[in-house]
Protein backbone atom coordinates (compact mmCIF):
# COMPACT_ATOMS: atom_id res chain seq x y z
CA GLN A 1 208.55 213.77 83.19
CA VAL A 2 208.10 215.59 79.89
CA GLN A 3 205.16 217.63 78.83
CA LEU A 4 204.38 218.48 75.26
CA VAL A 5 201.85 221.17 74.21
CA GLU A 6 200.96 221.67 70.55
CA SER A 7 199.66 225.00 69.11
CA GLY A 8 198.97 226.57 65.85
CA GLY A 9 196.17 224.41 64.57
CA GLY A 10 193.22 225.84 62.75
CA LEU A 11 191.32 226.18 59.47
CA VAL A 12 193.04 226.75 56.16
CA GLN A 13 191.97 226.56 52.57
CA ALA A 14 193.15 223.80 50.33
CA GLY A 15 196.57 224.65 48.88
CA GLY A 16 197.31 226.91 51.81
CA SER A 17 199.92 226.77 54.50
CA LEU A 18 200.04 226.42 58.26
CA SER A 19 202.70 226.22 60.91
CA LEU A 20 202.49 224.20 64.13
CA SER A 21 204.56 224.46 67.33
CA CYS A 22 205.27 222.04 70.12
CA ALA A 23 206.53 223.35 73.46
CA ALA A 24 208.38 220.87 75.64
CA SER A 25 208.85 221.27 79.40
CA GLY A 26 210.08 219.14 82.28
CA ARG A 27 212.92 216.73 81.86
CA THR A 28 213.73 217.81 78.36
CA PHE A 29 217.52 217.14 78.71
CA ASN A 30 217.26 213.48 77.72
CA ILE A 31 215.03 213.91 74.65
CA TYR A 32 216.75 212.37 71.62
CA ILE A 33 214.18 212.69 68.86
CA MET A 34 210.99 214.69 68.47
CA GLY A 35 208.38 214.18 65.85
CA TRP A 36 204.91 214.85 64.48
CA PHE A 37 202.11 212.35 63.92
CA ARG A 38 198.54 212.88 62.72
CA GLN A 39 195.29 211.01 62.95
CA SER A 40 192.29 211.52 60.69
CA PRO A 41 188.82 210.29 61.39
CA GLY A 42 188.52 206.56 60.76
CA LYS A 43 192.21 206.06 60.26
CA GLU A 44 195.13 205.00 62.42
CA ARG A 45 197.70 207.50 63.65
CA GLU A 46 200.44 207.98 61.12
CA PHE A 47 203.97 209.24 61.25
CA VAL A 48 204.58 212.66 59.59
CA ALA A 49 208.13 213.82 60.34
CA ALA A 50 210.87 213.54 63.00
CA LEU A 51 214.06 215.39 63.93
CA SER A 52 216.92 214.53 66.23
CA ARG A 53 217.70 217.07 68.96
CA SER A 54 221.22 217.53 67.55
CA GLY A 55 219.73 218.48 64.19
CA ASP A 56 221.87 215.96 62.28
CA TRP A 57 219.01 213.61 61.37
CA LYS A 58 215.49 214.10 60.07
CA SER A 59 212.88 212.03 58.47
CA TYR A 60 209.60 212.55 56.55
CA ALA A 61 206.71 210.44 55.46
CA ASP A 62 206.72 210.04 51.77
CA SER A 63 203.35 211.77 51.47
CA VAL A 64 204.64 215.01 52.90
CA LYS A 65 208.15 215.20 51.41
CA GLY A 66 208.75 218.48 49.61
CA ARG A 67 205.80 220.10 51.25
CA PHE A 68 206.39 219.96 55.02
CA THR A 69 209.41 221.13 56.99
CA ILE A 70 210.31 220.09 60.54
CA SER A 71 212.65 222.25 62.60
CA GLY A 72 213.48 222.89 66.18
CA ASP A 73 214.88 225.47 68.59
CA ASN A 74 216.73 223.86 71.46
CA ALA A 75 217.13 227.08 73.33
CA LYS A 76 213.31 227.40 73.46
CA ASN A 77 212.64 223.64 73.77
CA THR A 78 210.27 224.00 70.84
CA LEU A 79 209.53 221.90 67.77
CA TYR A 80 207.96 223.24 64.64
CA LEU A 81 206.16 221.89 61.58
CA HIS A 82 205.59 224.07 58.53
CA MET A 83 203.03 222.66 56.17
CA ASP A 84 202.64 223.86 52.56
CA LYS A 85 200.18 222.93 49.80
CA LEU A 86 197.77 221.31 52.19
CA ASN A 87 195.09 218.87 50.99
CA PRO A 88 191.65 218.36 52.50
CA GLU A 89 192.61 214.68 53.02
CA GLU A 90 195.24 215.90 55.50
CA THR A 91 192.60 217.24 57.93
CA ALA A 92 193.56 215.57 61.17
CA VAL A 93 194.54 216.00 64.78
CA TYR A 94 198.25 216.63 64.69
CA TYR A 95 200.27 215.31 67.68
CA CYS A 96 203.81 216.11 68.83
CA ALA A 97 205.86 213.30 70.34
CA ALA A 98 209.31 212.80 71.89
CA LYS A 99 211.66 209.90 72.46
CA ALA A 100 214.31 209.56 75.09
CA GLY A 101 217.86 208.74 74.08
CA SER A 102 217.73 205.10 75.27
CA SER A 103 214.16 204.39 74.28
CA VAL A 104 212.97 202.22 71.33
CA LYS A 105 209.47 203.81 71.52
CA TRP A 106 207.89 207.21 71.61
CA ASP A 107 207.76 208.07 75.29
CA TYR A 108 205.85 211.31 75.44
CA TRP A 109 202.85 212.75 73.58
CA GLY A 110 200.94 215.97 73.50
CA GLN A 111 197.17 216.34 73.50
CA GLY A 112 197.10 217.23 69.75
CA THR A 113 195.94 220.26 67.72
CA GLN A 114 193.15 220.16 65.15
CA VAL A 115 194.11 221.08 61.61
CA THR A 116 191.21 221.40 59.16
CA ILE A 117 191.71 222.01 55.43
CA SER A 118 188.64 223.11 53.56
CA SER A 119 188.00 222.87 49.84
């Protein structure tokens, strides 16, 4: 069992910055990749960024490259997402997810944290 809890969501002005955190607990030893997804009203959930636990691999959606930074702290079992130059269109619930080493799918999901960008 793995539990993921997001925090850091809130309201920010367009062009501003915000940082999110995801705390993992439980059987975290077998986590291979952690990532962030988001879902806006009326849209499907979309991939944002991912990071391997070893730190030797990362990936970003094209729409956030150069603006978002994913990082992790293994000692604290915490994943981070720093977001810069936010657009109102990026208002969404942001979700943390984790994948086990042998899994082909995302195994664990957090409840999400609301991020609202105002113009």
